[in-house]
Amino acid sequence: MLAYGYEVKGSPEALADVREVKGMKNCWINWNNFNTGDLYWDGNGNGYKVEINHEAKQVTLNEW
């Protein structure tokens, strides 16, 4: 899925959350603030480990 300029893949639950955020007005995800090893928290409080390549604009969100 393309979200905020990055190709995002990973856990179906994490992708569903990113899709939900994309549909909200006045909400966005700034992938530039993330580094590999960070956690992405969804709206239900579930954490996903981030693997990110800023040069290739790719993010993977894995279950933590």
C-alpha atoms as a PDB file:
ATOM      1  CA  MET A   1       0.000   0.000   0.000  1.00  0.00           C
ATOM      2  CA  LEU A   2       1.187   3.526  -0.716  1.00  0.00           C
ATOM      3  CA  ALA A   3       0.803   5.819   2.291  1.00  0.00           C
ATOM      4  CA  TYR A   4       2.252   9.288   2.669  1.00  0.00           C
ATOM      5  CA  GLY A   5       4.895   8.778   0.017  1.00  0.00           C
ATOM      6  CA  TYR A   6       6.128   5.390   1.275  1.00  0.00           C
ATOM      7  CA  GLU A   7       5.374   1.838   0.178  1.00  0.00           C
ATOM      8  CA  VAL A   8       4.045   0.173   3.343  1.00  0.00           C
ATOM      9  CA  LYS A   9       3.811  -3.580   3.922  1.00  0.00           C
ATOM     10  CA  GLY A  10       3.635  -5.951   6.841  1.00  0.00           C
ATOM     11  CA  SER A  11       1.054  -7.182   9.318  1.00  0.00           C
ATOM     12  CA  PRO A  12      -2.543  -7.048   8.022  1.00  0.00           C
ATOM     13  CA  GLU A  13      -3.638  -5.413  11.291  1.00  0.00           C
ATOM     14  CA  ALA A  14      -1.008  -2.678  10.965  1.00  0.00           C
ATOM     15  CA  LEU A  15      -1.954  -2.058   7.343  1.00  0.00           C
ATOM     16  CA  ALA A  16      -5.619  -1.769   8.339  1.00  0.00           C
ATOM     17  CA  ASP A  17      -4.658   0.888  10.875  1.00  0.00           C
ATOM     18  CA  VAL A  18      -2.592   2.831   8.326  1.00  0.00           C
ATOM     19  CA  ARG A  19      -5.542   2.629   5.917  1.00  0.00           C
ATOM     20  CA  GLU A  20      -7.832   4.009   8.644  1.00  0.00           C
ATOM     21  CA  VAL A  21      -5.460   6.897   9.414  1.00  0.00           C
ATOM     22  CA  LYS A  22      -5.279   7.723   5.695  1.00  0.00           C
ATOM     23  CA  GLY A  23      -9.061   8.158   5.718  1.00  0.00           C
ATOM     24  CA  MET A  24      -9.046  10.645   8.605  1.00  0.00           C
ATOM     25  CA  LYS A  25      -8.988  14.379   8.085  1.00  0.00           C
ATOM     26  CA  ASN A  26      -6.249  16.238   9.965  1.00  0.00           C
ATOM     27  CA  CYS A  27      -4.342  13.005  10.693  1.00  0.00           C
ATOM     28  CA  TRP A  28      -1.272  11.661   8.953  1.00  0.00           C
ATOM     29  CA  ILE A  29       1.821   9.558   9.519  1.00  0.00           C
ATOM     30  CA  ASN A  30       5.189  11.233   9.082  1.00  0.00           C
ATOM     31  CA  TRP A  31       7.412   8.293   8.170  1.00  0.00           C
ATOM     32  CA  ASN A  32      10.458  10.589   8.279  1.00  0.00           C
ATOM     33  CA  ASN A  33      10.203  10.523  12.086  1.00  0.00           C
ATOM     34  CA  PHE A  34      10.592   6.717  12.193  1.00  0.00           C
ATOM     35  CA  ASN A  35      13.786   4.679  12.298  1.00  0.00           C
ATOM     36  CA  THR A  36      14.341   0.933  12.050  1.00  0.00           C
ATOM     37  CA  GLY A  37      13.637  -0.595  15.444  1.00  0.00           C
ATOM     38  CA  ASP A  38      11.015   1.993  16.431  1.00  0.00           C
ATOM     39  CA  LEU A  39       7.486   0.913  17.290  1.00  0.00           C
ATOM     40  CA  TYR A  40       4.389   1.988  15.398  1.00  0.00           C
ATOM     41  CA  TRP A  41       1.364   1.937  17.717  1.00  0.00           C
ATOM     42  CA  ASP A  42      -2.093   1.410  16.254  1.00  0.00           C
ATOM     43  CA  GLY A  43      -5.333   2.868  17.596  1.00  0.00           C
ATOM     44  CA  ASN A  44      -5.915  -0.270  19.687  1.00  0.00           C
ATOM     45  CA  GLY A  45      -2.589  -0.017  21.511  1.00  0.00           C
ATOM     46  CA  ASN A  46      -0.861  -2.766  19.533  1.00  0.00           C
ATOM     47  CA  GLY A  47       2.794  -2.170  18.683  1.00  0.00           C
ATOM     48  CA  TYR A  48       4.505  -3.052  15.403  1.00  0.00           C
ATOM     49  CA  LYS A  49       8.257  -3.045  14.900  1.00  0.00           C
ATOM     50  CA  VAL A  50       9.330  -0.696  12.119  1.00  0.00           C
ATOM     51  CA  GLU A  51      11.830  -1.555   9.412  1.00  0.00           C
ATOM     52  CA  ILE A  52      12.311   1.485   7.209  1.00  0.00           C
ATOM     53  CA  ASN A  53      14.440   2.466   4.254  1.00  0.00           C
ATOM     54  CA  HIS A  54      14.117   6.211   3.746  1.00  0.00           C
ATOM     55  CA  GLU A  55      16.131   6.223   0.521  1.00  0.00           C
ATOM     56  CA  ALA A  56      13.843   3.623  -1.104  1.00  0.00           C
ATOM     57  CA  LYS A  57      10.745   5.027   0.675  1.00  0.00           C
ATOM     58  CA  GLN A  58       9.747   1.605   2.038  1.00  0.00           C
ATOM     59  CA  VAL A  59       8.289   0.690   5.437  1.00  0.00           C
ATOM     60  CA  THR A  60       7.580  -2.755   6.890  1.00  0.00           C
ATOM     61  CA  LEU A  61       5.454  -3.054  10.043  1.00  0.00           C
ATOM     62  CA  ASN A  62       5.963  -6.414  11.781  1.00  0.00           C
ATOM     63  CA  GLU A  63       4.079  -7.761  14.787  1.00  0.00           C
ATOM     64  CA  TRP A  64       5.997  -7.062  17.964  1.00  0.00           C
END
